[in-house]
Amino acid sequence: MIVYSADWVLPIEGAPIPCGAVAVEGDRIVAVGNADDLEGDRRHFGDCAILPGFVNAHTHLEYSVYAGFGDGLADFGEWIATHVTRKRRLDWADHLAIARLGAAECLATGVSTVGDCSFRGAAAVAAAESGLRATVYLEVFGRGPDDVLRQFDDLHALVANAFDARVRLGVSPHAPYSVTPAAYRACAGLALPMATHLSESASELAYLRNGGGPWRGLSFLVPPLGLSGANMLEREGLLGAGLLAAHCTKLQPDEIALLGARSVGVAHCPRSNAMLGSGAAPVAELLAAGARVGLGTDGVSSAPSLDFFEEMRAALYVARNRLGTPDAMTAAQALELATLGSARALGLEDEIGSLCPGKKADLVVVSLEGSPFLPWEDPIVAVVLGGAPARVSRTIVDGATRYARGGFEWHELRQEAAAARARMLASG
């Protein structure tokens, strides 16, 4: 048995433990408590806090070198079109090189689990190779049920060997503007975890309701619904605890109530939505309604990085600014969104997201050495406001160290991913 100890242990489900420790046997946590009370092979981390591995509920690992593409374009649809054009210039090896870099960067920022919407399936291979826990939602587009199922089968066949108990298979009908209701029903018929992009922009809603707005004529659109995406999913009986809805920045009060009543998972992506001028998810209202809200970075296509500490801080800033009060979201609430909240959104709260005996041994050790937050006053505030990827000492998944500071061959990972980015830019 290995006992990891530090100045503080932050269990999430329970108060912070000073001079705390987490005992791990195999891939499970067997005890959490005061370090003096736990026997085993001790690994102590000074000036550090131990907490659950972060859970990034919405990623696109295959977009991890897309930073800055189309920044500042006036409309969300034009931005998407730019990305669709450029990513079609890549081959399988390019997608895999980019996803490998994304998986490594997640582990280096303390993320132990992702919910990834995968365009080519490369995210599954990258997660399997790196030791990252993942639900990989293979992404499909189009009008016909047979067509989207064929897309799914083709992607699955390409990466089927990557899926196991740690890398879970899911399906992602992309969005209500790019997938028909009949195709959504076909995806639901696979009886897999399902993710979709939902209510992400005003232009999306204008198109869905009456075919109007600046999106008219874009090539990737399916016919307008005459209603919002959330109401279409309710009409089709597809809202439920097995669904993860990313973004949700433009919900009406009745839609918030629906997502809550159906226990839908919501991935809040504050930096991505702010960068695109898409608004902010009504997190407080969704939580009050009963939705399972977690935190996601989205892809580096819109967010500037996979830095999960910056995402926690952005969630806190956005909530306080939106509601006009500093207690709109506390550091503890931001940390819960990033751990147990995201685990709930992915339907994995029984296995990950908090430090409890019996749960998976997914841990992150965060150092505050040399920071302005020492000596400790509030360890949660210190981690949320003072943490950074450079302060991650270790990321552990299933009881195994998947990242130790300085432990990746970053030069090779970045060189191969940068070459793929160059190919996207080569034709303008």
Protein backbone atom coordinates (compact mmCIF):
# COMPACT_ATOMS: atom_id res chain seq x y z
CA MET A 1 0.00 0.00 0.00
CA ILE A 2 1.27 3.48 -0.92
CA VAL A 3 0.43 6.45 1.31
CA TYR A 4 0.61 9.87 -0.36
CA SER A 5 0.82 12.67 2.20
CA ALA A 6 0.97 16.46 2.00
CA ASP A 7 0.29 19.65 3.93
CA TRP A 8 -3.35 19.34 2.93
CA VAL A 9 -5.68 16.77 1.41
CA LEU A 10 -8.78 18.19 -0.29
CA PRO A 11 -11.32 15.33 -0.53
CA ILE A 12 -14.13 17.47 -2.09
CA GLU A 13 -16.74 15.37 -0.26
CA GLY A 14 -15.59 16.52 3.16
CA ALA A 15 -13.56 19.26 4.79
CA PRO A 16 -9.88 19.82 3.93
CA ILE A 17 -7.56 17.65 6.04
CA PRO A 18 -4.39 19.28 7.41
CA CYS A 19 -1.33 16.99 7.39
CA GLY A 20 -3.48 14.62 5.40
CA ALA A 21 -2.84 11.47 3.41
CA VAL A 22 -4.43 9.17 0.85
CA ALA A 23 -3.71 5.44 0.96
CA VAL A 24 -3.77 3.62 -2.37
CA GLU A 25 -3.73 -0.09 -3.12
CA GLY A 26 -3.72 -1.10 -6.75
CA ASP A 27 -6.05 1.22 -8.64
CA ARG A 28 -8.27 2.11 -5.66
CA ILE A 29 -8.25 4.49 -2.71
CA VAL A 30 -8.42 2.49 0.52
CA ALA A 31 -8.23 5.26 3.14
CA VAL A 32 -8.21 9.05 3.48
CA GLY A 33 -7.30 10.83 6.70
CA ASN A 34 -4.56 12.17 8.92
CA ALA A 35 -1.09 11.11 7.80
CA ASP A 36 -0.15 9.83 11.27
CA ASP A 37 -3.06 7.38 11.17
CA LEU A 38 -2.19 5.65 7.88
CA GLU A 39 0.46 2.96 7.52
CA GLY A 40 2.25 2.14 4.29
CA ASP A 41 5.00 3.13 1.90
CA ARG A 42 4.99 6.90 2.52
CA ARG A 43 5.45 9.45 -0.29
CA HIS A 44 5.39 12.94 1.23
CA PHE A 45 5.00 16.21 -0.70
CA GLY A 46 5.89 19.36 1.21
CA ASP A 47 4.18 22.71 0.52
CA CYS A 48 1.61 20.76 -1.49
CA ALA A 49 -2.04 19.80 -1.56
CA ILE A 50 -3.40 16.46 -2.75
CA LEU A 51 -6.80 16.50 -4.44
CA PRO A 52 -8.79 14.41 -6.91
CA GLY A 53 -7.54 14.45 -10.47
CA PHE A 54 -9.36 17.16 -12.39
CA VAL A 55 -12.14 16.06 -14.74
CA ASN A 56 -12.28 18.05 -17.98
CA ALA A 57 -15.84 17.41 -19.13
CA HIS A 58 -15.49 18.79 -22.67
CA THR A 59 -12.36 18.60 -24.81
CA HIS A 60 -11.33 18.20 -28.43
CA LEU A 61 -7.83 16.79 -28.02
CA GLU A 62 -7.45 16.62 -31.80
CA TYR A 63 -7.64 20.43 -31.94
CA SER A 64 -4.78 21.07 -29.51
CA VAL A 65 -2.72 23.15 -31.98
CA TYR A 66 -5.60 25.12 -33.50
CA ALA A 67 -5.03 28.14 -31.24
CA GLY A 68 -5.91 31.49 -32.76
CA PHE A 69 -7.56 30.19 -35.95
CA GLY A 70 -10.25 32.68 -36.95
CA ASP A 71 -9.91 34.75 -33.79
CA GLY A 72 -12.18 37.78 -33.83
CA LEU A 73 -14.41 36.68 -36.71
CA ALA A 74 -17.76 38.39 -36.39
CA ASP A 75 -19.94 35.28 -36.38
CA PHE A 76 -19.69 31.83 -34.83
CA GLY A 77 -20.71 30.12 -38.08
CA GLU A 78 -17.86 31.77 -40.01
CA TRP A 79 -15.46 30.62 -37.27
CA ILE A 80 -16.68 27.01 -37.55
CA ALA A 81 -16.35 27.10 -41.34
CA THR A 82 -12.70 28.16 -41.00
CA HIS A 83 -11.97 25.17 -38.77
CA VAL A 84 -13.86 22.69 -40.95
CA THR A 85 -11.86 23.76 -44.01
CA ARG A 86 -8.50 23.55 -42.28
CA LYS A 87 -8.89 20.27 -40.41
CA ARG A 88 -9.80 18.51 -43.67
CA ARG A 89 -6.19 19.08 -44.76
CA LEU A 90 -4.93 16.66 -42.10
CA ASP A 91 -4.39 12.92 -42.33
CA TRP A 92 -4.68 10.29 -39.59
CA ALA A 93 -1.08 10.68 -38.45
CA ASP A 94 -1.61 14.44 -38.05
CA HIS A 95 -4.74 14.00 -35.93
CA LEU A 96 -2.95 11.46 -33.75
CA ALA A 97 0.11 13.67 -33.25
CA ILE A 98 -2.09 16.56 -32.15
CA ALA A 99 -4.19 14.37 -29.84
CA ARG A 100 -1.05 12.94 -28.22
CA LEU A 101 0.11 16.46 -27.38
CA GLY A 102 -3.35 17.30 -26.01
CA ALA A 103 -3.42 14.22 -23.78
CA ALA A 104 0.03 15.04 -22.40
CA GLU A 105 -0.98 18.65 -21.72
CA CYS A 106 -4.09 17.48 -19.87
CA LEU A 107 -2.05 15.25 -17.56
CA ALA A 108 0.45 18.07 -17.03
CA THR A 109 -2.30 20.38 -15.79
CA GLY A 110 -3.61 17.77 -13.33
CA VAL A 111 -6.46 16.44 -15.47
CA SER A 112 -6.92 12.70 -15.01
CA THR A 113 -10.19 12.32 -16.98
CA VAL A 114 -11.62 13.92 -20.12
CA GLY A 115 -14.90 13.81 -21.96
CA ASP A 116 -13.69 14.23 -25.55
CA CYS A 117 -15.71 14.85 -28.70
CA SER A 118 -13.49 13.22 -31.30
CA PHE A 119 -13.62 14.06 -35.01
CA ARG A 120 -11.36 11.17 -36.12
CA GLY A 121 -11.11 8.92 -33.06
CA ALA A 122 -7.45 9.75 -32.48
CA ALA A 123 -8.29 10.99 -28.97
CA ALA A 124 -9.06 7.39 -27.95
CA VAL A 125 -5.63 6.18 -29.03
CA ALA A 126 -3.89 9.13 -27.35
CA ALA A 127 -5.75 8.53 -24.09
CA ALA A 128 -5.00 4.81 -24.14
CA GLU A 129 -1.30 5.42 -24.78
CA SER A 130 -0.88 8.16 -22.16
CA GLY A 131 -2.88 6.59 -19.33
CA LEU A 132 -5.51 9.34 -19.36
CA ARG A 133 -9.03 8.26 -18.36
CA ALA A 134 -11.50 9.26 -21.05
CA THR A 135 -14.96 9.00 -22.44
CA VAL A 136 -14.38 9.45 -26.16
CA TYR A 137 -17.54 10.47 -27.98
CA LEU A 138 -17.03 9.67 -31.67
CA GLU A 139 -18.43 12.63 -33.57
CA VAL A 140 -20.95 12.29 -36.40
CA PHE A 141 -22.72 14.76 -38.70
CA GLY A 142 -25.56 14.72 -41.21
CA ARG A 143 -29.18 14.09 -42.07
CA GLY A 144 -29.73 10.35 -42.50
CA PRO A 145 -29.70 7.80 -39.66
CA ASP A 146 -27.92 5.28 -41.88
CA ASP A 147 -25.25 7.84 -42.77
CA VAL A 148 -24.42 8.81 -39.18
CA LEU A 149 -24.34 5.17 -38.09
CA ARG A 150 -21.96 4.39 -40.94
CA GLN A 151 -19.74 7.29 -39.84
CA PHE A 152 -19.75 5.95 -36.30
CA ASP A 153 -18.95 2.40 -37.40
CA ASP A 154 -16.07 3.59 -39.59
CA LEU A 155 -14.54 5.64 -36.75
CA HIS A 156 -15.04 2.85 -34.24
CA ALA A 157 -13.42 0.26 -36.50
CA LEU A 158 -10.36 2.49 -36.83
CA VAL A 159 -9.76 2.79 -33.07
CA ALA A 160 -11.69 -0.09 -31.50
CA ASN A 161 -8.59 -1.51 -29.79
CA ALA A 162 -8.14 1.70 -27.77
CA PHE A 163 -11.32 1.19 -25.73
CA ASP A 164 -11.21 -0.59 -22.37
CA ALA A 165 -12.29 -0.02 -18.78
CA ARG A 166 -10.38 3.28 -18.65
CA VAL A 167 -11.15 4.62 -22.16
CA ARG A 168 -14.91 4.47 -22.60
CA LEU A 169 -16.75 4.58 -25.94
CA GLY A 170 -19.43 7.20 -26.57
CA VAL A 171 -21.14 8.90 -29.50
CA SER A 172 -21.51 12.61 -30.29
CA PRO A 173 -24.13 13.81 -32.74
CA HIS A 174 -22.40 17.14 -33.23
CA ALA A 175 -25.20 19.71 -32.77
CA PRO A 176 -28.88 20.28 -33.63
CA TYR A 177 -27.85 22.45 -36.59
CA SER A 178 -25.58 19.75 -38.10
CA VAL A 179 -27.51 16.55 -37.22
CA THR A 180 -31.20 15.85 -37.85
CA PRO A 181 -33.60 14.63 -35.14
CA ALA A 182 -33.80 11.24 -36.89
CA ALA A 183 -30.00 10.96 -36.78
CA TYR A 184 -30.01 11.89 -33.09
CA ARG A 185 -32.48 9.06 -32.46
CA ALA A 186 -30.22 6.64 -34.31
CA CYS A 187 -27.28 7.69 -32.14
CA ALA A 188 -29.35 7.24 -28.98
CA GLY A 189 -30.21 3.75 -30.20
CA LEU A 190 -26.56 2.76 -29.77
CA ALA A 191 -27.18 2.90 -25.99
CA LEU A 192 -23.83 4.62 -25.38
CA PRO A 193 -22.93 7.75 -23.43
CA MET A 194 -23.90 10.65 -25.71
CA ALA A 195 -22.58 14.21 -25.99
CA THR A 196 -23.67 17.15 -28.11
CA HIS A 197 -23.05 20.86 -28.51
CA LEU A 198 -26.15 22.77 -27.43
CA SER A 199 -27.36 26.39 -27.42
CA GLU A 200 -23.90 27.84 -27.99
CA SER A 201 -24.70 31.04 -29.89
CA ALA A 202 -27.46 33.47 -30.80
CA SER A 203 -26.89 32.75 -34.51
CA GLU A 204 -27.47 29.05 -33.88
CA LEU A 205 -30.83 29.73 -32.26
CA ALA A 206 -31.89 32.14 -35.00
CA TYR A 207 -31.18 29.51 -37.64
CA LEU A 208 -32.83 26.64 -35.75
CA ARG A 209 -36.04 28.56 -35.12
CA ASN A 210 -36.72 29.95 -38.61
CA GLY A 211 -33.72 29.44 -40.89
CA GLY A 212 -32.77 33.08 -40.53
CA GLY A 213 -29.76 34.97 -39.30
CA PRO A 214 -26.19 35.03 -40.63
CA TRP A 215 -25.90 31.25 -40.99
CA ARG A 216 -28.19 30.96 -44.02
CA GLY A 217 -26.33 29.12 -46.79
CA LEU A 218 -23.57 27.47 -44.73
CA SER A 219 -22.78 24.04 -46.16
CA PHE A 220 -22.82 21.98 -42.95
CA LEU A 221 -26.37 22.86 -41.87
CA VAL A 222 -29.37 20.53 -41.71
CA PRO A 223 -32.90 21.96 -42.17
CA PRO A 224 -34.05 24.29 -39.36
CA LEU A 225 -36.16 22.74 -36.62
CA GLY A 226 -38.64 25.50 -35.88
CA LEU A 227 -37.61 25.29 -32.23
CA SER A 228 -34.48 25.32 -30.09
CA GLY A 229 -32.13 22.38 -29.82
CA ALA A 230 -33.04 21.76 -26.19
CA ASN A 231 -36.74 21.62 -26.99
CA MET A 232 -36.09 19.32 -29.96
CA LEU A 233 -34.15 16.90 -27.72
CA GLU A 234 -37.02 16.95 -25.20
CA ARG A 235 -39.55 16.32 -27.97
CA GLU A 236 -37.50 13.32 -29.13
CA GLY A 237 -37.17 11.94 -25.59
CA LEU A 238 -33.38 12.36 -25.62
CA LEU A 239 -32.82 14.57 -22.58
CA GLY A 240 -31.56 12.48 -19.68
CA ALA A 241 -28.70 11.61 -17.36
CA GLY A 242 -26.85 9.82 -20.18
CA LEU A 243 -26.53 13.03 -22.21
CA LEU A 244 -23.73 15.59 -21.90
CA ALA A 245 -24.61 19.01 -23.36
CA ALA A 246 -21.66 21.33 -23.98
CA HIS A 247 -21.89 25.11 -23.60
CA CYS A 248 -25.63 25.90 -23.00
CA THR A 249 -25.06 29.65 -23.01
CA LYS A 250 -28.38 30.65 -24.60
CA LEU A 251 -30.95 28.73 -22.59
CA GLN A 252 -34.41 30.06 -21.81
CA PRO A 253 -35.89 29.53 -18.31
CA ASP A 254 -38.09 26.66 -19.52
CA GLU A 255 -35.03 24.96 -21.04
CA ILE A 256 -33.04 25.33 -17.81
CA ALA A 257 -35.93 23.66 -16.00
CA LEU A 258 -36.00 20.85 -18.57
CA LEU A 259 -32.27 20.13 -18.32
CA GLY A 260 -32.55 20.09 -14.55
CA ALA A 261 -35.62 17.90 -14.43
CA ARG A 262 -33.96 15.37 -16.76
CA SER A 263 -30.61 15.43 -14.86
CA VAL A 264 -28.72 16.32 -18.03
CA GLY A 265 -24.95 16.77 -17.80
CA VAL A 266 -23.78 20.26 -18.77
CA ALA A 267 -20.16 21.13 -19.63
CA HIS A 268 -19.55 24.78 -18.76
CA CYS A 269 -16.70 26.18 -20.91
CA PRO A 270 -16.22 29.78 -19.71
CA ARG A 271 -13.01 30.67 -21.56
CA SER A 272 -14.14 29.25 -24.90
CA ASN A 273 -17.50 30.98 -24.71
CA ALA A 274 -15.90 34.28 -23.69
CA MET A 275 -13.34 34.10 -26.53
CA LEU A 276 -16.14 33.56 -29.06
CA GLY A 277 -18.44 36.16 -27.51
CA SER A 278 -21.07 33.48 -27.00
CA GLY A 279 -22.16 34.44 -23.50
CA ALA A 280 -21.99 32.39 -20.32
CA ALA A 281 -23.88 29.34 -19.15
CA PRO A 282 -26.36 30.10 -16.33
CA VAL A 283 -24.48 27.84 -13.93
CA ALA A 284 -26.24 28.85 -10.71
CA GLU A 285 -29.65 28.41 -12.28
CA LEU A 286 -28.77 25.06 -13.84
CA LEU A 287 -27.45 23.72 -10.54
CA ALA A 288 -30.54 24.95 -8.71
CA ALA A 289 -32.73 23.20 -11.29
CA GLY A 290 -30.90 19.88 -10.80
CA ALA A 291 -28.63 19.71 -13.84
CA ARG A 292 -25.26 17.96 -13.46
CA VAL A 293 -22.86 20.82 -14.20
CA GLY A 294 -19.15 20.34 -14.73
CA LEU A 295 -16.28 22.26 -16.24
CA GLY A 296 -14.59 21.90 -19.63
CA THR A 297 -11.94 23.69 -21.61
CA ASP A 298 -13.43 22.94 -25.04
CA GLY A 299 -10.74 22.64 -27.72
CA VAL A 300 -7.70 24.83 -28.15
CA SER A 301 -9.58 25.93 -31.25
CA SER A 302 -11.44 28.44 -29.06
CA ALA A 303 -9.89 28.32 -25.59
CA PRO A 304 -6.24 29.43 -25.62
CA SER A 305 -4.96 26.33 -23.78
CA LEU A 306 -5.86 23.21 -21.82
CA ASP A 307 -4.79 24.89 -18.54
CA PHE A 308 -7.46 23.70 -16.11
CA PHE A 309 -6.46 26.12 -13.37
CA GLU A 310 -7.21 28.99 -15.74
CA GLU A 311 -10.56 27.34 -16.50
CA MET A 312 -11.47 27.19 -12.80
CA ARG A 313 -10.54 30.83 -12.36
CA ALA A 314 -12.50 31.80 -15.46
CA ALA A 315 -15.58 30.03 -14.07
CA LEU A 316 -15.20 32.00 -10.87
CA TYR A 317 -14.67 35.35 -12.65
CA VAL A 318 -17.58 34.82 -15.05
CA ALA A 319 -20.00 33.83 -12.28
CA ARG A 320 -19.07 36.80 -10.11
CA ASN A 321 -19.24 39.25 -12.98
CA ARG A 322 -22.49 37.83 -14.35
CA LEU A 323 -24.32 38.02 -11.01
CA GLY A 324 -22.50 41.10 -9.74
CA THR A 325 -21.38 39.71 -6.37
CA PRO A 326 -18.16 38.06 -5.12
CA ASP A 327 -20.05 35.23 -3.45
CA ALA A 328 -21.73 34.18 -6.72
CA MET A 329 -19.14 31.40 -6.88
CA THR A 330 -16.58 30.50 -4.22
CA ALA A 331 -13.21 28.85 -4.84
CA ALA A 332 -14.62 25.69 -3.26
CA GLN A 333 -17.54 25.68 -5.71
CA ALA A 334 -15.18 26.20 -8.67
CA LEU A 335 -13.05 23.28 -7.47
CA GLU A 336 -16.11 21.07 -7.11
CA LEU A 337 -17.18 21.92 -10.66
CA ALA A 338 -13.71 20.86 -11.84
CA THR A 339 -13.79 17.51 -10.03
CA LEU A 340 -16.98 15.95 -8.70
CA GLY A 341 -19.24 18.21 -10.78
CA SER A 342 -17.60 17.12 -14.02
CA ALA A 343 -17.63 13.49 -12.86
CA ARG A 344 -21.39 13.80 -12.36
CA ALA A 345 -21.79 15.40 -15.78
CA LEU A 346 -20.03 12.38 -17.33
CA GLY A 347 -21.98 9.90 -15.19
CA LEU A 348 -18.81 8.76 -13.41
CA GLU A 349 -19.34 10.17 -9.92
CA ASP A 350 -19.36 6.72 -8.31
CA GLU A 351 -15.81 6.10 -9.54
CA ILE A 352 -13.98 9.46 -9.69
CA GLY A 353 -14.20 13.14 -8.74
CA SER A 354 -13.54 12.94 -4.99
CA LEU A 355 -11.16 11.23 -2.60
CA CYS A 356 -13.18 8.48 -0.95
CA PRO A 357 -12.31 4.88 -0.06
CA GLY A 358 -13.38 2.60 -2.87
CA LYS A 359 -13.08 5.17 -5.63
CA LYS A 360 -10.45 5.05 -8.36
CA ALA A 361 -7.03 6.28 -7.28
CA ASP A 362 -6.98 9.38 -9.51
CA LEU A 363 -5.00 12.10 -7.72
CA VAL A 364 -3.16 15.32 -8.47
CA VAL A 365 -0.45 16.83 -6.27
CA VAL A 366 -0.26 20.62 -6.52
CA SER A 367 2.72 22.53 -5.14
CA LEU A 368 2.36 26.05 -3.81
CA GLU A 369 6.07 26.35 -3.01
CA GLY A 370 7.30 29.92 -3.44
CA SER A 371 3.81 31.25 -4.11
CA PRO A 372 2.14 34.23 -2.39
CA PHE A 373 -0.42 31.79 -0.95
CA LEU A 374 2.02 30.36 1.62
CA PRO A 375 1.86 30.14 4.60
CA TRP A 376 -1.53 28.50 4.11
CA GLU A 377 -4.73 30.30 5.05
CA ASP A 378 -7.33 28.49 2.92
CA PRO A 379 -5.86 25.59 0.89
CA ILE A 380 -8.76 25.55 -1.57
CA VAL A 381 -8.34 29.24 -2.37
CA ALA A 382 -4.60 28.67 -2.69
CA VAL A 383 -5.04 25.85 -5.22
CA VAL A 384 -7.76 27.52 -7.30
CA LEU A 385 -6.21 31.00 -7.39
CA GLY A 386 -2.55 30.02 -7.19
CA GLY A 387 -2.34 26.77 -9.11
CA ALA A 388 -0.81 26.37 -12.56
CA PRO A 389 0.45 23.52 -14.74
CA ALA A 390 4.01 24.38 -13.67
CA ARG A 391 2.91 23.67 -10.07
CA VAL A 392 1.60 20.16 -10.79
CA SER A 393 4.06 17.77 -9.15
CA ARG A 394 2.31 14.54 -10.07
CA THR A 395 -0.83 13.25 -11.79
CA ILE A 396 -1.92 9.72 -10.87
CA VAL A 397 -4.56 7.70 -12.74
CA ASP A 398 -5.67 4.24 -11.60
CA GLY A 399 -2.95 4.34 -8.94
CA ALA A 400 -0.16 4.79 -11.51
CA THR A 401 1.86 7.96 -12.01
CA ARG A 402 1.00 9.18 -15.51
CA TYR A 403 2.81 12.51 -15.19
CA ALA A 404 5.63 13.74 -12.97
CA ARG A 405 6.90 17.26 -13.43
CA GLY A 406 9.26 17.33 -16.41
CA GLY A 407 8.40 13.77 -17.36
CA PHE A 408 7.37 14.04 -21.03
CA GLU A 409 9.50 14.30 -24.17
CA TRP A 410 7.86 17.64 -24.92
CA HIS A 411 10.13 18.56 -27.81
CA GLU A 412 9.10 15.56 -29.90
CA LEU A 413 5.40 15.89 -29.04
CA ARG A 414 5.33 19.58 -29.91
CA GLN A 415 7.42 19.22 -33.05
CA GLU A 416 5.09 16.62 -34.59
CA ALA A 417 1.95 18.55 -33.63
CA ALA A 418 3.40 21.82 -34.95
CA ALA A 419 4.13 20.15 -38.30
CA ALA A 420 0.43 19.24 -38.53
CA ARG A 421 -0.53 22.84 -37.78
CA ALA A 422 1.80 24.02 -40.53
CA ARG A 423 -0.02 21.77 -43.00
CA MET A 424 -3.36 23.36 -42.05
CA LEU A 425 -1.93 26.82 -42.67
CA ALA A 426 -0.08 25.97 -45.88
CA SER A 427 -3.01 26.76 -48.18
CA GLY A 428 -4.03 29.97 -46.44
